Every structure is written in structure tokens, then in C-alpha cells.
Amino acid sequence: MQSGPAKAIELFTRLADTSDGAVKTREKLFAELKAELELHTSLEEQHLFPILRKNVDTRDLVAEAIRDNKELRARLAELDGMPKNDQAFSEKLAELQKAFRQHARDEKKELLPAVQRALSEEQVQDVTERMEAGFAEAEQAKQDEAETRRAKLRQEREQAEFVARQSELRVEQAQAAERERAAAAERARAEARRVAVLVGTPAKVATDTAQLAVNASESARKRTQAQTTALTNMFMWPWLGAMQNLPQAGKPVQARGASSMEEVIPLGEEVLEVGKRTENRGTARVRRFVVESEAEQQVTLQSERVVVERRRPVSDKVTGEILTEVTVEVVETEEVPTVEKRMRLREEVVVRTERTQRVETVRETVRHDEVEIEQPSRKRAGRQLRTVTAES
């Protein structure tokens, strides 16, 4: 009964020092205050009041104490339902603090002396031990609840980290699969270009053939290769006959016929066509994490101490009531620092991509057909051989 009010008064003082904007801090402190007062009153009603009811001298005090406890619970319920940032909450809290101080003084002046007179030393010791056990059980329950809450938060945090890791793995697997698909597509395009160069297919046909090879399945790719071969033959048919009539290695060149007959020799060349593809140059990752650092701030605190001074009166004339018992109670107060934290936006990190353009010169070796003409008549005339280059 003497230790309970001290802790409650401390919570009252800390609540009174909070501002209207500290809603979370007020809710936490008020929850602690409510639990402390309810525990104090319930232990009194459970262990002390049943014994005091059996005594005629203390029976009336018990009824009055029960009424005070009922009124205290009603005020706590009213404050619990009020917004913590309202001015009315501070006013109601001040009224409750005043009533509680009066209740504590009444218990100290009336209830405790009556308990000491009515109960024996063994009964007082028994009640004290049972109330202390009740306080210990309540404190242990608070610790168990806090530990359970911490374990739950830890489990939720680990679950969230596991889910985040699984998401990262799925993203990495998807990126790897995308890179593999891009590499397969590039290999298919390179193979199609190589086949096109070998058989003389124009670059546009090679590109279309490569795209078909990327999008089709394995069986479709085989069919596409067959179609590519057929398409190559179609583009080469104009000069197939001429190629068959070219002189074979080791065979003499046949003489030409009459001047009215002609033979067409096609001259081809490679044309450089430059395309574009997008490559993955790496992934930029921006990770936000929490860093703890020490912060300090100075605050000026005040304290009030009771000073008792005895001095000789100026005059021996009696001006007030004397020779009667008088008790004066003066409360000592002391300010203690309260710590609150609020969130504010310190900086913003903007992540975006910027696209730039550049002109790059691509150099590659291309081939073309040339023809060398030998004319015996012009050779006899002293003219040198001339080389004719096919115009593009």
C-alpha cells in the first residue's frame, strides 16, 4: 500500500510532462499507469479487505475504500476512451491525479493505522507476503508477455526476411533464364547469318530466319532450317547454271563460240548491315538499412525539497491556534527527463535511368567479286590487261 502509490505518482508526473503531440508516449505511459492502479486495487480487495471486514472497527473503512476503488476504475475507463492528444485528457488526468493523492493520504492516515490496530503482527505479515507475491506474479506476467511479444516480432521479422530472400532468388532465377534465352536467340541469329553468308542469302532473309528459329520449338527449328535451305536454293537459281558451266580445276577452257552467243557471269558482293541489340551491363542495387548512433541533448531539470527551519518568533504574542495536534504534509517534487522520438524525412534518394545516344563507327571486312579480262587482240596491240570491278 505504501510502495504502490509511489510508482503511480511517478507515472502521473511523467504523463503530465508529455506534450499533446506525443500520442504514442502518452498511450504507453497511461497503459502502465492503468495496469499499476488496477493491480493495486485488486490486490487490496483480494487479500486485505476480507480480513478487515471481520473486524468491527475497520468494517466501515473497507466500504469506503471499495467505493473509492470503484470511482478510480470509472475514471480510468473514461480516460482510456479519450483521445490522448486532446486538452480534455490532460484536464481529466490532473483531476484523477488529485483524487489519487487524496486517496493515498486517506489510506496512510486512516486505513493503515486501523490495520495496525485491528490485525496482529502475524496477520499483517501474512497479508504482506500475499500482496508481495501478487505483485511478483504480475511483474512476471509482464515479463512473459514482453518476451512473447519480442519472440513474435522476431519470428515475423525472420519470416519477412525469408520471404524477401525467396523473392530475390526468384528474380535472380528469372534474370538468369532471360539471359539464357537472349544468349540462345543470339546464337540462333549468328548461326543463321553464318548460313546466309555461306549460301549468299540476303541479310533480310537471314534475319527473318533467325527470328523464326528463336520463337519456334526444337522441332520447329528443324523445319525452319529446311525452309532456309529451300529459300537459299530459290535465291541462287539464276546463277546455278552459270556456276555449273565454270571451268573445273585441271580442265582446259573451251573456246567461245560465234560472236552472236553470250554468257552471263554474275558478280556478287557482301553488303555491311549493322543491327542493334540490348545487353545487360549489370544491376545497380540501392539498399536502405538502419544505422544506430548516439544522440544527446541537454535539459534543465528542477527539483523541490522540503526545508524545515526552526527560528525564534519576533513576538511572543499568540496569533493562531496552538497546543493542538497538527500534521502538515508537503510534497517534494523532482523533474526527470523524458525521452521521445519522432520521425522526420532527412533525405530522399531518387533512383532512375538516363538514356543517352552515341554514334559508333562499325568496321568490318566485306568481300566482292571481281573479273579479270584477257583479250588477245588488245594484248597484241600493246595494251595491258584491265581489271573490271562490279559496281555496287
Protein backbone atom coordinates (compact mmCIF):
# COMPACT_ATOMS: atom_id res chain seq x y z
CA MET A 1 0.00 0.00 0.00
CA GLN A 2 2.95 2.34 0.56
CA SER A 3 5.04 1.27 -2.46
CA GLY A 4 2.18 1.23 -4.98
CA PRO A 5 1.31 4.98 -4.81
CA ALA A 6 4.98 5.95 -5.26
CA LYS A 7 5.20 4.24 -8.63
CA ALA A 8 1.77 5.55 -9.67
CA ILE A 9 2.76 9.13 -8.72
CA GLU A 10 5.88 8.79 -10.83
CA LEU A 11 3.78 7.70 -13.82
CA PHE A 12 1.37 10.59 -13.21
CA THR A 13 4.31 13.04 -13.27
CA ARG A 14 5.74 11.58 -16.49
CA LEU A 15 2.32 11.76 -18.14
CA ALA A 16 1.83 15.37 -17.11
CA ASP A 17 5.18 16.34 -18.66
CA THR A 18 4.27 14.99 -22.11
CA SER A 19 3.00 17.26 -24.87
CA ASP A 20 -0.21 16.85 -26.85
CA GLY A 21 1.76 15.68 -29.87
CA ALA A 22 3.38 12.74 -28.04
CA VAL A 23 0.41 10.44 -28.57
CA LYS A 24 2.37 7.15 -28.58
CA THR A 25 4.24 8.05 -25.40
CA ARG A 26 1.01 9.04 -23.63
CA GLU A 27 -0.69 5.82 -24.65
CA LYS A 28 2.22 3.75 -23.35
CA LEU A 29 2.51 5.62 -20.03
CA PHE A 30 -1.25 5.59 -19.47
CA ALA A 31 -1.38 1.85 -20.11
CA GLU A 32 1.33 1.34 -17.46
CA LEU A 33 -0.50 3.66 -15.03
CA LYS A 34 -3.82 1.89 -15.56
CA ALA A 35 -2.25 -1.53 -15.04
CA GLU A 36 -0.48 -0.34 -11.87
CA LEU A 37 -3.61 1.18 -10.31
CA GLU A 38 -5.82 -1.79 -11.19
CA LEU A 39 -3.26 -4.20 -9.74
CA HIS A 40 -3.01 -2.12 -6.56
CA THR A 41 -6.77 -2.02 -6.01
CA SER A 42 -7.35 -5.68 -6.93
CA LEU A 43 -4.69 -6.91 -4.50
CA GLU A 44 -6.22 -4.80 -1.72
CA GLU A 45 -9.70 -6.18 -2.40
CA GLN A 46 -8.41 -9.76 -2.69
CA HIS A 47 -6.08 -10.05 0.30
CA LEU A 48 -6.67 -7.13 2.71
CA PHE A 49 -10.34 -6.23 2.64
CA PRO A 50 -11.71 -9.72 3.53
CA ILE A 51 -9.74 -9.64 6.78
CA LEU A 52 -10.76 -6.07 7.60
CA ARG A 53 -14.45 -6.91 7.11
CA LYS A 54 -14.26 -9.34 10.01
CA ASN A 55 -13.25 -6.56 12.36
CA VAL A 56 -15.94 -4.22 13.61
CA ASP A 57 -13.59 -1.23 13.83
CA THR A 58 -12.46 -1.47 10.21
CA ARG A 59 -15.67 -2.60 8.51
CA ASP A 60 -16.77 0.95 7.61
CA LEU A 61 -13.34 1.82 6.25
CA VAL A 62 -13.49 -1.14 3.87
CA ALA A 63 -16.81 0.01 2.40
CA GLU A 64 -15.42 3.50 1.84
CA ALA A 65 -12.22 2.13 0.26
CA ILE A 66 -14.25 -0.05 -2.11
CA ARG A 67 -16.26 3.00 -3.23
CA ASP A 68 -13.01 4.89 -3.87
CA ASN A 69 -11.68 1.97 -5.92
CA LYS A 70 -14.87 1.84 -7.96
CA GLU A 71 -14.68 5.56 -8.69
CA LEU A 72 -10.99 5.17 -9.63
CA ARG A 73 -11.80 2.43 -12.15
CA ALA A 74 -14.57 4.55 -13.68
CA ARG A 75 -12.20 7.48 -14.19
CA LEU A 76 -9.57 5.20 -15.70
CA ALA A 77 -12.11 3.79 -18.15
CA GLU A 78 -13.17 7.33 -19.12
CA LEU A 79 -9.57 8.38 -19.75
CA ASP A 80 -8.87 5.21 -21.68
CA GLY A 81 -11.58 6.04 -24.20
CA MET A 82 -10.50 9.67 -24.72
CA PRO A 83 -8.09 10.85 -27.47
CA LYS A 84 -4.64 11.24 -25.93
CA ASN A 85 -3.89 14.45 -27.86
CA ASP A 86 -6.96 16.27 -26.54
CA GLN A 87 -6.72 19.03 -23.95
CA ALA A 88 -9.59 17.41 -22.08
CA PHE A 89 -7.40 14.36 -21.49
CA SER A 90 -4.82 16.46 -19.64
CA GLU A 91 -7.53 18.09 -17.53
CA LYS A 92 -9.16 14.75 -16.62
CA LEU A 93 -5.71 13.29 -15.86
CA ALA A 94 -4.96 16.17 -13.47
CA GLU A 95 -8.28 15.56 -11.69
CA LEU A 96 -7.52 11.85 -11.39
CA GLN A 97 -4.05 12.60 -10.03
CA LYS A 98 -5.51 14.92 -7.39
CA ALA A 99 -8.11 12.33 -6.35
CA PHE A 100 -5.47 9.59 -6.18
CA ARG A 101 -3.20 11.70 -3.99
CA GLN A 102 -6.12 12.31 -1.64
CA HIS A 103 -6.92 8.58 -1.66
CA ALA A 104 -3.29 7.76 -0.80
CA ARG A 105 -3.31 10.27 2.06
CA ASP A 106 -6.55 8.82 3.44
CA GLU A 107 -5.12 5.32 3.38
CA LYS A 108 -1.98 6.47 5.14
CA LYS A 109 -3.83 8.45 7.84
CA GLU A 110 -6.85 6.22 8.42
CA LEU A 111 -6.63 2.79 6.83
CA LEU A 112 -3.07 1.85 7.72
CA PRO A 113 -3.33 2.82 11.43
CA ALA A 114 -6.63 0.93 11.64
CA VAL A 115 -4.99 -2.13 10.06
CA GLN A 116 -2.14 -1.99 12.55
CA ARG A 117 -4.61 -1.75 15.46
CA ALA A 118 -7.03 -4.39 14.25
CA LEU A 119 -4.62 -7.06 12.96
CA SER A 120 -1.95 -8.96 14.76
CA GLU A 121 1.64 -8.97 13.63
CA GLU A 122 1.22 -12.46 12.12
CA GLN A 123 -1.83 -11.36 10.12
CA VAL A 124 -0.04 -8.26 8.84
CA GLN A 125 2.92 -10.39 7.81
CA ASP A 126 0.64 -12.88 6.04
CA VAL A 127 -1.20 -10.14 4.12
CA THR A 128 2.11 -8.51 3.21
CA GLU A 129 3.55 -11.73 1.85
CA ARG A 130 0.45 -12.49 -0.20
CA MET A 131 0.34 -8.99 -1.69
CA GLU A 132 4.05 -9.12 -2.46
CA ALA A 133 3.51 -12.48 -4.16
CA GLY A 134 0.70 -10.93 -6.19
CA PHE A 135 2.97 -8.07 -7.28
CA ALA A 136 5.70 -10.57 -8.19
CA GLU A 137 3.27 -12.67 -10.24
CA ALA A 138 2.05 -9.57 -12.07
CA GLU A 139 5.61 -8.48 -12.81
CA GLN A 140 6.49 -11.96 -14.06
CA ALA A 141 3.38 -11.95 -16.26
CA LYS A 142 4.51 -8.62 -17.74
CA GLN A 143 7.96 -10.02 -18.44
CA ASP A 144 6.49 -13.17 -20.01
CA GLU A 145 4.17 -11.08 -22.17
CA ALA A 146 7.05 -8.85 -23.27
CA GLU A 147 9.18 -11.89 -24.07
CA THR A 148 6.33 -13.45 -26.05
CA ARG A 149 5.84 -10.20 -27.93
CA ARG A 150 9.57 -9.97 -28.71
CA ALA A 151 9.61 -13.59 -29.88
CA LYS A 152 6.62 -12.95 -32.12
CA LEU A 153 8.25 -9.86 -33.60
CA ARG A 154 11.47 -11.77 -34.11
CA GLN A 155 9.58 -14.59 -35.84
CA GLU A 156 7.72 -12.11 -38.06
CA ARG A 157 10.99 -10.40 -38.93
CA GLU A 158 12.65 -13.72 -39.81
CA GLN A 159 9.61 -14.70 -41.88
CA ALA A 160 9.73 -11.39 -43.73
CA GLU A 161 13.45 -11.82 -44.38
CA PHE A 162 12.83 -15.36 -45.66
CA VAL A 163 10.07 -14.16 -48.00
CA ALA A 164 12.28 -11.32 -49.24
CA ARG A 165 15.14 -13.74 -49.88
CA GLN A 166 12.85 -16.09 -51.76
CA SER A 167 11.65 -13.17 -53.87
CA GLU A 168 15.25 -12.20 -54.62
CA LEU A 169 16.04 -15.79 -55.61
CA ARG A 170 13.03 -15.90 -57.92
CA VAL A 171 14.09 -12.61 -59.50
CA GLU A 172 17.64 -13.88 -59.96
CA GLN A 173 16.37 -17.12 -61.49
CA ALA A 174 14.10 -15.15 -63.85
CA GLN A 175 17.01 -12.91 -64.84
CA ALA A 176 19.24 -15.94 -65.43
CA ALA A 177 16.53 -17.56 -67.57
CA GLU A 178 16.12 -14.30 -69.52
CA ARG A 179 19.87 -14.10 -70.10
CA GLU A 180 19.89 -17.73 -71.25
CA ARG A 181 17.03 -17.05 -73.66
CA ALA A 182 18.82 -13.97 -75.01
CA ALA A 183 22.05 -15.96 -75.45
CA ALA A 184 20.17 -18.74 -77.25
CA ALA A 185 18.50 -16.19 -79.52
CA GLU A 186 21.84 -14.58 -80.30
CA ARG A 187 23.40 -17.94 -81.07
CA ALA A 188 20.49 -18.75 -83.39
CA ARG A 189 20.88 -15.39 -85.17
CA ALA A 190 24.64 -15.88 -85.52
CA GLU A 191 24.11 -19.36 -86.96
CA ALA A 192 21.52 -18.02 -89.41
CA ARG A 193 23.87 -15.23 -90.50
CA ARG A 194 26.70 -17.72 -90.97
CA VAL A 195 24.49 -19.95 -93.13
CA ALA A 196 23.32 -16.92 -95.08
CA VAL A 197 26.91 -15.84 -95.77
CA LEU A 198 27.85 -19.32 -96.94
CA VAL A 199 24.95 -19.67 -99.37
CA GLY A 200 24.73 -15.99 -100.39
CA THR A 201 21.31 -15.27 -98.85
CA PRO A 202 20.49 -11.54 -98.41
CA ALA A 203 20.74 -10.22 -94.85
CA LYS A 204 16.98 -9.53 -94.51
CA VAL A 205 16.14 -13.17 -95.21
CA ALA A 206 18.79 -14.27 -92.71
CA THR A 207 17.35 -12.04 -90.01
CA ASP A 208 13.81 -13.34 -90.55
CA THR A 209 15.07 -16.92 -90.50
CA ALA A 210 16.91 -16.27 -87.20
CA GLN A 211 13.77 -14.82 -85.61
CA LEU A 212 11.77 -17.89 -86.62
CA ALA A 213 14.48 -20.09 -85.10
CA VAL A 214 14.29 -18.24 -81.77
CA ASN A 215 10.49 -18.36 -81.36
CA ALA A 216 9.89 -21.95 -82.53
CA SER A 217 10.43 -25.16 -80.56
CA GLU A 218 13.11 -27.73 -81.29
CA SER A 219 11.08 -29.46 -83.97
CA ALA A 220 10.02 -26.12 -85.44
CA ARG A 221 13.66 -25.05 -85.61
CA LYS A 222 14.49 -28.17 -87.65
CA ARG A 223 11.70 -27.34 -90.07
CA THR A 224 12.92 -23.75 -90.27
CA GLN A 225 16.43 -24.92 -91.20
CA ALA A 226 14.92 -26.99 -94.04
CA GLN A 227 12.94 -23.95 -95.17
CA THR A 228 16.13 -21.85 -95.05
CA THR A 229 17.91 -24.33 -97.31
CA ALA A 230 15.00 -24.26 -99.77
CA LEU A 231 14.90 -20.46 -99.65
CA THR A 232 18.65 -20.32 -100.30
CA ASN A 233 18.25 -22.52 -103.37
CA MET A 234 15.49 -20.23 -104.63
CA PHE A 235 17.74 -17.18 -104.41
CA MET A 236 20.67 -18.94 -106.10
CA TRP A 237 18.82 -20.41 -109.11
CA PRO A 238 19.72 -17.57 -111.58
CA TRP A 239 23.40 -18.36 -111.39
CA LEU A 240 23.36 -22.11 -110.72
CA GLY A 241 23.64 -22.90 -114.42
CA ALA A 242 26.49 -20.48 -114.89
CA MET A 243 28.34 -21.94 -111.93
CA GLN A 244 27.96 -25.40 -113.42
CA ASN A 245 29.47 -24.14 -116.70
CA LEU A 246 32.53 -22.58 -114.94
CA PRO A 247 35.83 -24.31 -115.83
CA GLN A 248 36.70 -27.09 -113.48
CA ALA A 249 40.12 -27.26 -111.88
CA GLY A 250 42.54 -29.18 -114.14
CA LYS A 251 40.28 -28.96 -117.25
CA PRO A 252 41.12 -26.76 -120.27
CA VAL A 253 38.99 -23.78 -121.03
CA GLN A 254 36.76 -24.40 -124.04
CA ALA A 255 36.84 -21.91 -126.84
CA ARG A 256 33.94 -19.50 -127.21
CA GLY A 257 31.51 -19.86 -129.98
CA ALA A 258 30.38 -17.30 -132.51
CA SER A 259 30.16 -13.64 -131.60
CA SER A 260 26.36 -13.79 -131.58
CA MET A 261 26.40 -16.07 -128.49
CA GLU A 262 26.90 -14.60 -124.95
CA GLU A 263 27.30 -15.99 -121.44
CA VAL A 264 26.39 -14.12 -118.25
CA ILE A 265 28.78 -14.23 -115.28
CA PRO A 266 27.10 -12.80 -112.11
CA LEU A 267 29.31 -10.69 -109.84
CA GLY A 268 28.26 -10.52 -106.17
CA GLU A 269 29.39 -8.60 -103.17
CA GLU A 270 28.80 -8.50 -99.43
CA VAL A 271 26.94 -5.52 -98.06
CA LEU A 272 27.57 -4.48 -94.45
CA GLU A 273 24.32 -4.22 -92.47
CA VAL A 274 24.64 -3.20 -88.81
CA GLY A 275 21.90 -4.07 -86.33
CA LYS A 276 21.49 -3.37 -82.61
CA ARG A 277 20.84 -5.48 -79.53
CA THR A 278 20.48 -4.66 -75.85
CA GLU A 279 22.93 -6.25 -73.42
CA ASN A 280 22.71 -6.38 -69.65
CA ARG A 281 25.64 -4.40 -68.24
CA GLY A 282 24.87 -5.24 -64.60
CA THR A 283 22.26 -4.42 -61.98
CA ALA A 284 22.52 -1.35 -59.75
CA ARG A 285 21.14 -2.11 -56.30
CA VAL A 286 20.22 0.52 -53.70
CA ARG A 287 19.54 -0.97 -50.25
CA ARG A 288 18.17 1.02 -47.35
CA PHE A 289 19.21 -0.07 -43.87
CA VAL A 290 19.03 1.35 -40.36
CA VAL A 291 22.11 2.71 -38.57
CA GLU A 292 22.00 3.47 -34.86
CA SER A 293 24.00 6.38 -33.49
CA GLU A 294 24.24 8.07 -30.12
CA ALA A 295 22.43 11.40 -29.73
CA GLU A 296 22.50 13.70 -26.73
CA GLN A 297 20.73 16.84 -25.67
CA GLN A 298 20.97 18.91 -22.51
CA VAL A 299 17.88 19.64 -20.45
CA THR A 300 17.47 21.77 -17.35
CA LEU A 301 15.66 19.97 -14.53
CA GLN A 302 14.19 21.42 -11.36
CA SER A 303 13.59 19.78 -8.02
CA GLU A 304 11.80 20.86 -4.87
CA ARG A 305 12.99 19.76 -1.44
CA VAL A 306 11.24 20.37 1.85
CA VAL A 307 13.26 22.64 4.11
CA VAL A 308 12.32 22.66 7.79
CA GLU A 309 13.62 25.67 9.70
CA ARG A 310 13.13 26.41 13.35
CA ARG A 311 13.51 30.06 14.42
CA ARG A 312 12.68 32.29 17.32
CA PRO A 313 9.43 34.27 16.85
CA VAL A 314 9.56 38.01 16.57
CA SER A 315 6.88 38.40 19.18
CA ASP A 316 5.59 36.04 21.83
CA LYS A 317 2.00 37.03 21.12
CA VAL A 318 -0.13 34.06 20.06
CA THR A 319 -1.72 34.72 16.68
CA GLY A 320 -3.02 31.28 15.81
CA GLU A 321 -4.15 28.02 17.30
CA ILE A 322 -1.58 26.28 19.47
CA LEU A 323 -1.37 23.28 21.77
CA THR A 324 -3.25 21.10 19.31
CA GLU A 325 -2.06 18.26 17.10
CA VAL A 326 -1.36 19.44 13.55
CA THR A 327 0.06 17.47 10.66
CA VAL A 328 1.39 19.33 7.63
CA GLU A 329 2.32 17.38 4.52
CA VAL A 330 4.47 18.96 1.84
CA VAL A 331 5.20 17.03 -1.31
CA GLU A 332 8.74 17.04 -2.65
CA THR A 333 8.95 17.03 -6.41
CA GLU A 334 11.74 16.46 -8.87
CA GLU A 335 11.78 16.75 -12.63
CA VAL A 336 13.12 13.81 -14.55
CA PRO A 337 13.95 13.80 -18.26
CA THR A 338 11.54 12.09 -20.63
CA VAL A 339 12.70 10.89 -24.00
CA GLU A 340 10.53 10.89 -27.08
CA LYS A 341 11.37 10.10 -30.66
CA ARG A 342 9.62 11.38 -33.73
CA MET A 343 10.16 10.54 -37.36
CA ARG A 344 11.17 13.13 -39.92
CA LEU A 345 12.29 12.98 -43.52
CA ARG A 346 16.06 13.60 -43.68
CA GLU A 347 16.86 12.97 -47.33
CA GLU A 348 15.47 11.43 -50.50
CA VAL A 349 17.32 9.07 -52.78
CA VAL A 350 15.95 9.06 -56.34
CA VAL A 351 16.79 6.03 -58.48
CA ARG A 352 16.18 6.39 -62.20
CA THR A 353 17.72 5.51 -65.54
CA GLU A 354 19.03 8.04 -68.03
CA ARG A 355 19.22 7.22 -71.73
CA THR A 356 21.97 8.71 -73.87
CA GLN A 357 22.82 8.27 -77.52
CA ARG A 358 26.19 7.91 -79.21
CA VAL A 359 27.36 7.34 -82.76
CA GLU A 360 29.77 4.44 -83.18
CA THR A 361 31.53 3.51 -86.41
CA VAL A 362 31.45 -0.22 -87.14
CA ARG A 363 34.25 -1.53 -89.37
CA GLU A 364 34.16 -4.98 -90.93
CA THR A 365 35.75 -6.67 -93.91
CA VAL A 366 33.37 -7.38 -96.80
CA ARG A 367 34.02 -9.31 -99.97
CA HIS A 368 33.04 -8.73 -103.58
CA ASP A 369 33.59 -10.39 -106.91
CA GLU A 370 35.99 -9.02 -109.49
CA VAL A 371 36.66 -10.21 -113.05
CA GLU A 372 39.90 -10.20 -114.97
CA ILE A 373 39.56 -9.91 -118.75
CA GLU A 374 42.17 -11.20 -121.15
CA GLN A 375 41.74 -10.12 -124.77
CA PRO A 376 44.41 -11.47 -127.12
CA SER A 377 43.69 -8.81 -129.76
CA ARG A 378 44.35 -5.96 -127.33
CA LYS A 379 47.39 -7.74 -125.97
CA ARG A 380 48.88 -7.79 -129.40
CA ALA A 381 48.17 -4.09 -129.74
CA GLY A 382 50.43 -3.45 -126.73
CA ARG A 383 47.64 -2.73 -124.31
CA GLN A 384 47.85 -4.06 -120.78
CA LEU A 385 45.21 -6.19 -119.19
CA ARG A 386 42.50 -4.22 -117.44
CA THR A 387 40.55 -5.18 -114.36
CA VAL A 388 36.81 -4.60 -114.21
CA THR A 389 35.18 -4.15 -110.82
CA ALA A 390 31.47 -4.81 -110.33
CA GLU A 391 29.61 -1.66 -109.41
CA SER A 392 27.51 -1.85 -106.29
